[in-house]
Amino acid sequence: MDPITLLSIALAPGIFWVWYFYKKDRYDPEPKKLIIYTFLLGALVTIPAGIINSIFISSSFENMGILMKFFAAFVVIGPVEEISKYMAIRIYSLKSKEFDEPIDAMLYSVVAALGFATFENFLYISQYGASLILMRAITGCLGHAGFSGIVGYYVGKAKFSSPKNNNLVYKGLAIAAFSHGLFDFVLFTQTILALLFIPLLIVLIYFLSKRLGEMSSASPFKPSDNYDFKCPKCKKKVLSSSNFCAECGYKFKR
């Protein structure tokens, strides 16, 4: 299969999930340019993360004992990949003036994670075949999105808490790295324990869904209950003083 076709197959689930999570930012949607850059940076940091992983993990990893697999999952892969994805948003998205509501940090983290997962998907299907993409669309994309969503949740809380508490960022990274390590470790065992990835993934998705809703509700752009103006695009009632529609994101010309 030619590289362009493989790339298209690898991109499809990542783009779908980006669109899905982008719609969760209801009150002040981020510029699409910012989302694209964040996705690309997430894909880019896969390279240094892969290099670091390869330094500490032998190429004969599959034949290693359980202790080495524990080391690889919890000490190398989990921390390295979660820090890498965090750096992908730290160097650009978190410095943007558009970072003005709690949900933004979660969205940036998830989008960067999906860029990371998409590059991984390309590598996997290039080596093992395109049939893996359905599994990777769930375990790879949603797994990475869930781990990074934890980081984004705490980054958002750190920025908008009063007083500000930057230690929350380290807490989020630690939880995400441990969760990532646990997820990978049960798969690495290649035993009945590997089935634990299913409940772990369900918990991750539940966390992501609940926290996105929580952060969205905390948006300073959320309209009040006094709806007395119709959006010219979707015709939903919104507060007359609002600058945008909470339903479709349409920005009013004042």
Protein backbone atom coordinates (compact mmCIF):
# COMPACT_ATOMS: atom_id res chain seq x y z
CA MET A 1 0.00 0.00 0.00
CA ASP A 2 1.45 3.39 -0.98
CA PRO A 3 2.42 5.95 1.73
CA ILE A 4 -0.31 8.45 0.79
CA THR A 5 -3.03 5.84 1.27
CA LEU A 6 -1.51 4.72 4.58
CA LEU A 7 -1.32 8.33 5.75
CA SER A 8 -4.96 8.91 4.82
CA ILE A 9 -6.04 5.82 6.75
CA ALA A 10 -3.96 6.88 9.77
CA LEU A 11 -5.37 10.42 9.68
CA ALA A 12 -9.05 9.46 9.46
CA PRO A 13 -9.71 8.47 13.11
CA GLY A 14 -7.55 11.30 14.47
CA ILE A 15 -9.42 13.93 12.46
CA PHE A 16 -12.77 12.43 13.44
CA TRP A 17 -11.97 12.58 17.16
CA VAL A 18 -10.58 16.11 16.84
CA TRP A 19 -13.88 17.19 15.28
CA TYR A 20 -15.84 15.35 18.00
CA PHE A 21 -13.97 16.97 20.90
CA TYR A 22 -13.83 20.37 19.21
CA LYS A 23 -17.63 20.44 19.35
CA LYS A 24 -17.44 20.19 23.16
CA ASP A 25 -16.10 23.74 23.30
CA ARG A 26 -19.56 25.28 23.01
CA TYR A 27 -19.24 28.83 24.26
CA ASP A 28 -16.05 30.24 22.75
CA PRO A 29 -14.71 27.83 20.09
CA GLU A 30 -10.98 27.99 19.43
CA PRO A 31 -9.69 29.20 16.04
CA LYS A 32 -9.26 26.28 13.66
CA LYS A 33 -5.72 27.45 12.86
CA LEU A 34 -4.77 26.99 16.52
CA ILE A 35 -6.29 23.51 16.55
CA ILE A 36 -4.39 22.49 13.41
CA TYR A 37 -1.05 23.74 14.78
CA THR A 38 -1.67 21.94 18.07
CA PHE A 39 -2.45 18.69 16.22
CA LEU A 40 0.72 19.00 14.14
CA LEU A 41 2.88 19.76 17.18
CA GLY A 42 1.40 16.70 18.88
CA ALA A 43 2.46 14.60 15.91
CA LEU A 44 5.90 16.21 15.85
CA VAL A 45 6.78 15.41 19.48
CA THR A 46 6.27 11.74 18.70
CA ILE A 47 9.77 11.79 17.21
CA PRO A 48 11.76 12.84 20.31
CA ALA A 49 9.52 10.68 22.49
CA GLY A 50 10.25 7.68 20.28
CA ILE A 51 13.99 8.35 20.37
CA ILE A 52 14.02 8.57 24.18
CA ASN A 53 11.92 5.42 24.47
CA SER A 54 14.30 3.53 22.18
CA ILE A 55 17.32 4.57 24.29
CA PHE A 56 15.91 3.00 27.44
CA ILE A 57 13.94 0.10 25.95
CA SER A 58 15.69 -2.70 24.11
CA SER A 59 14.59 -3.77 20.65
CA SER A 60 14.13 -7.27 22.08
CA PHE A 61 11.47 -5.91 24.43
CA GLU A 62 8.92 -8.65 23.65
CA ASN A 63 11.22 -11.30 25.10
CA MET A 64 11.99 -9.41 28.31
CA GLY A 65 10.79 -10.35 31.77
CA ILE A 66 7.88 -8.80 33.61
CA LEU A 67 10.09 -6.47 35.66
CA MET A 68 11.61 -4.91 32.55
CA LYS A 69 8.15 -4.47 31.08
CA PHE A 70 7.05 -2.81 34.33
CA PHE A 71 10.06 -0.47 34.06
CA ALA A 72 9.31 0.29 30.41
CA ALA A 73 5.66 1.10 31.07
CA PHE A 74 5.85 3.08 34.32
CA VAL A 75 9.33 4.63 34.22
CA VAL A 76 9.87 5.24 30.51
CA ILE A 77 6.83 5.25 28.23
CA GLY A 78 4.24 6.76 30.57
CA PRO A 79 6.32 9.75 31.76
CA VAL A 80 8.13 10.35 28.46
CA GLU A 81 5.01 10.40 26.29
CA GLU A 82 2.86 12.43 28.69
CA ILE A 83 5.58 15.05 29.17
CA SER A 84 6.14 15.16 25.40
CA LYS A 85 2.46 15.78 24.70
CA TYR A 86 2.35 18.43 27.44
CA MET A 87 5.33 20.20 25.86
CA ALA A 88 3.45 20.21 22.54
CA ILE A 89 0.85 22.52 24.08
CA ARG A 90 3.22 24.35 26.41
CA ILE A 91 5.30 25.80 23.59
CA TYR A 92 2.37 27.21 21.62
CA SER A 93 -1.28 26.73 22.59
CA LEU A 94 -0.97 27.63 26.27
CA LYS A 95 0.72 30.90 25.30
CA SER A 96 -2.12 31.90 22.99
CA LYS A 97 -4.45 34.75 23.90
CA GLU A 98 -7.25 32.34 22.97
CA PHE A 99 -6.56 30.37 26.15
CA ASP A 100 -9.32 32.17 28.02
CA GLU A 101 -11.57 29.48 29.52
CA PRO A 102 -10.91 26.27 31.51
CA ILE A 103 -11.99 23.84 28.80
CA ASP A 104 -9.36 25.20 26.40
CA ALA A 105 -6.50 23.43 28.19
CA MET A 106 -8.33 20.12 27.94
CA LEU A 107 -9.08 20.68 24.27
CA TYR A 108 -5.46 21.57 23.47
CA SER A 109 -4.22 18.51 25.37
CA VAL A 110 -6.64 16.17 23.63
CA VAL A 111 -5.89 17.57 20.17
CA ALA A 112 -2.12 17.27 20.72
CA ALA A 113 -2.65 13.71 21.96
CA LEU A 114 -4.63 12.87 18.83
CA GLY A 115 -1.81 14.24 16.69
CA PHE A 116 0.58 12.03 18.65
CA ALA A 117 -1.69 9.00 18.24
CA THR A 118 -2.12 9.67 14.52
CA PHE A 119 1.63 9.58 13.91
CA GLU A 120 1.81 6.36 15.94
CA ASN A 121 -1.07 4.96 13.88
CA PHE A 122 0.86 5.64 10.69
CA LEU A 123 3.91 3.80 12.04
CA TYR A 124 1.82 0.84 13.23
CA ILE A 125 -0.16 0.33 10.04
CA SER A 126 2.97 0.83 7.92
CA GLN A 127 4.55 -2.08 9.76
CA TYR A 128 1.60 -4.37 10.53
CA GLY A 129 -1.08 -3.45 7.98
CA ALA A 130 -4.11 -1.20 7.69
CA SER A 131 -6.37 -3.73 9.43
CA LEU A 132 -5.05 -2.42 12.76
CA ILE A 133 -6.60 1.01 12.27
CA LEU A 134 -9.99 0.17 13.79
CA MET A 135 -8.38 -1.01 17.01
CA ARG A 136 -5.97 1.92 17.04
CA ALA A 137 -8.84 4.36 16.50
CA ILE A 138 -10.17 3.28 19.90
CA THR A 139 -7.22 2.16 22.00
CA GLY A 140 -4.59 4.48 20.52
CA CYS A 141 -6.60 7.64 19.87
CA LEU A 142 -8.95 7.52 22.85
CA GLY A 143 -6.23 6.18 25.13
CA HIS A 144 -3.88 9.07 24.37
CA ALA A 145 -6.76 11.56 24.47
CA GLY A 146 -7.82 10.27 27.89
CA PHE A 147 -4.33 10.42 29.40
CA SER A 148 -3.68 13.91 28.07
CA GLY A 149 -7.17 14.99 29.05
CA ILE A 150 -6.12 14.43 32.66
CA VAL A 151 -3.19 16.80 32.16
CA GLY A 152 -5.38 19.37 30.43
CA TYR A 153 -7.93 19.24 33.24
CA TYR A 154 -5.30 20.12 35.85
CA VAL A 155 -3.66 22.73 33.59
CA GLY A 156 -7.04 24.44 33.27
CA LYS A 157 -7.60 24.30 37.02
CA ALA A 158 -4.10 25.66 37.65
CA LYS A 159 -4.66 28.70 35.40
CA PHE A 160 -8.15 29.60 36.53
CA SER A 161 -7.99 28.67 40.22
CA SER A 162 -7.80 31.42 42.78
CA PRO A 163 -5.13 31.67 44.01
CA LYS A 164 -3.27 30.09 41.11
CA ASN A 165 -1.69 26.74 41.91
CA ASN A 166 0.84 25.61 39.31
CA ASN A 167 1.55 22.46 41.33
CA LEU A 168 -1.69 21.13 39.86
CA VAL A 169 0.11 20.77 36.52
CA TYR A 170 2.63 18.38 38.06
CA LYS A 171 -0.19 16.49 39.73
CA GLY A 172 -1.93 16.07 36.37
CA LEU A 173 1.27 14.88 34.70
CA ALA A 174 1.91 12.36 37.47
CA ILE A 175 -1.62 10.93 37.30
CA ALA A 176 -1.53 10.79 33.49
CA ALA A 177 1.91 9.12 33.43
CA PHE A 178 0.80 6.52 35.97
CA SER A 179 -2.46 5.84 34.12
CA HIS A 180 -0.59 5.53 30.83
CA GLY A 181 1.95 3.20 32.42
CA LEU A 182 -0.76 1.00 33.93
CA PHE A 183 -2.64 0.82 30.62
CA ASP A 184 0.49 -0.21 28.72
CA PHE A 185 1.72 -2.59 31.40
CA VAL A 186 -1.42 -4.74 31.42
CA LEU A 187 -1.14 -5.01 27.64
CA PHE A 188 2.56 -5.85 27.84
CA THR A 189 1.87 -8.82 30.12
CA GLN A 190 0.16 -10.65 27.21
CA THR A 191 -1.80 -12.63 29.78
CA ILE A 192 -5.38 -12.55 31.06
CA LEU A 193 -4.40 -9.29 32.78
CA ALA A 194 -4.31 -7.66 29.35
CA LEU A 195 -8.11 -7.65 29.35
CA LEU A 196 -7.97 -5.02 32.09
CA PHE A 197 -7.30 -2.47 29.36
CA ILE A 198 -11.04 -2.50 28.61
CA PRO A 199 -12.27 -1.21 32.00
CA LEU A 200 -9.27 1.14 32.14
CA LEU A 201 -10.25 2.62 28.77
CA ILE A 202 -13.88 2.95 29.86
CA VAL A 203 -12.81 4.84 33.00
CA LEU A 204 -10.62 7.13 30.89
CA ILE A 205 -13.44 7.94 28.48
CA TYR A 206 -15.84 8.53 31.38
CA PHE A 207 -13.34 10.88 33.05
CA LEU A 208 -12.80 12.76 29.80
CA SER A 209 -16.52 13.17 29.17
CA LYS A 210 -17.35 14.29 32.70
CA ARG A 211 -14.47 16.73 33.02
CA LEU A 212 -15.11 18.29 29.61
CA GLY A 213 -18.67 18.95 30.74
CA GLU A 214 -17.45 20.37 34.04
CA MET A 215 -14.94 22.69 32.38
CA SER A 216 -17.45 23.79 29.76
CA SER A 217 -19.94 24.73 32.48
CA ALA A 218 -17.23 26.84 34.15
CA SER A 219 -16.74 28.94 31.02
CA PRO A 220 -16.90 32.71 31.62
CA PHE A 221 -18.57 32.94 28.21
CA LYS A 222 -21.54 30.81 29.22
CA PRO A 223 -24.72 32.86 28.70
CA SER A 224 -27.13 33.45 31.53
CA ASP A 225 -30.65 32.04 31.58
CA ASN A 226 -32.11 35.26 30.19
CA TYR A 227 -32.51 34.43 26.53
CA ASP A 228 -34.18 37.18 24.55
CA PHE A 229 -32.32 37.32 21.25
CA LYS A 230 -32.32 34.87 18.32
CA CYS A 231 -29.11 33.77 16.65
CA PRO A 232 -29.29 34.69 12.94
CA LYS A 233 -27.61 31.42 12.01
CA CYS A 234 -29.31 28.67 14.04
CA LYS A 235 -32.32 30.68 15.35
CA LYS A 236 -31.74 29.59 18.95
CA LYS A 237 -32.52 32.10 21.69
CA VAL A 238 -29.50 33.65 23.37
CA LEU A 239 -28.81 36.55 25.71
CA SER A 240 -29.08 39.79 23.79
CA SER A 241 -25.78 41.02 25.23
CA SER A 242 -23.86 37.91 24.10
CA ASN A 243 -21.20 38.22 21.44
CA PHE A 244 -21.66 34.67 20.17
CA CYS A 245 -24.22 31.86 20.06
CA ALA A 246 -23.71 29.13 22.66
CA GLU A 247 -25.46 26.61 20.41
CA CYS A 248 -23.60 26.96 17.12
CA GLY A 249 -20.68 29.25 18.03
CA TYR A 250 -21.71 31.97 15.56
CA LYS A 251 -20.10 35.31 16.48
CA PHE A 252 -22.42 38.26 16.25
CA LYS A 253 -21.43 41.45 14.46
CA ARG A 254 -22.00 44.28 16.91
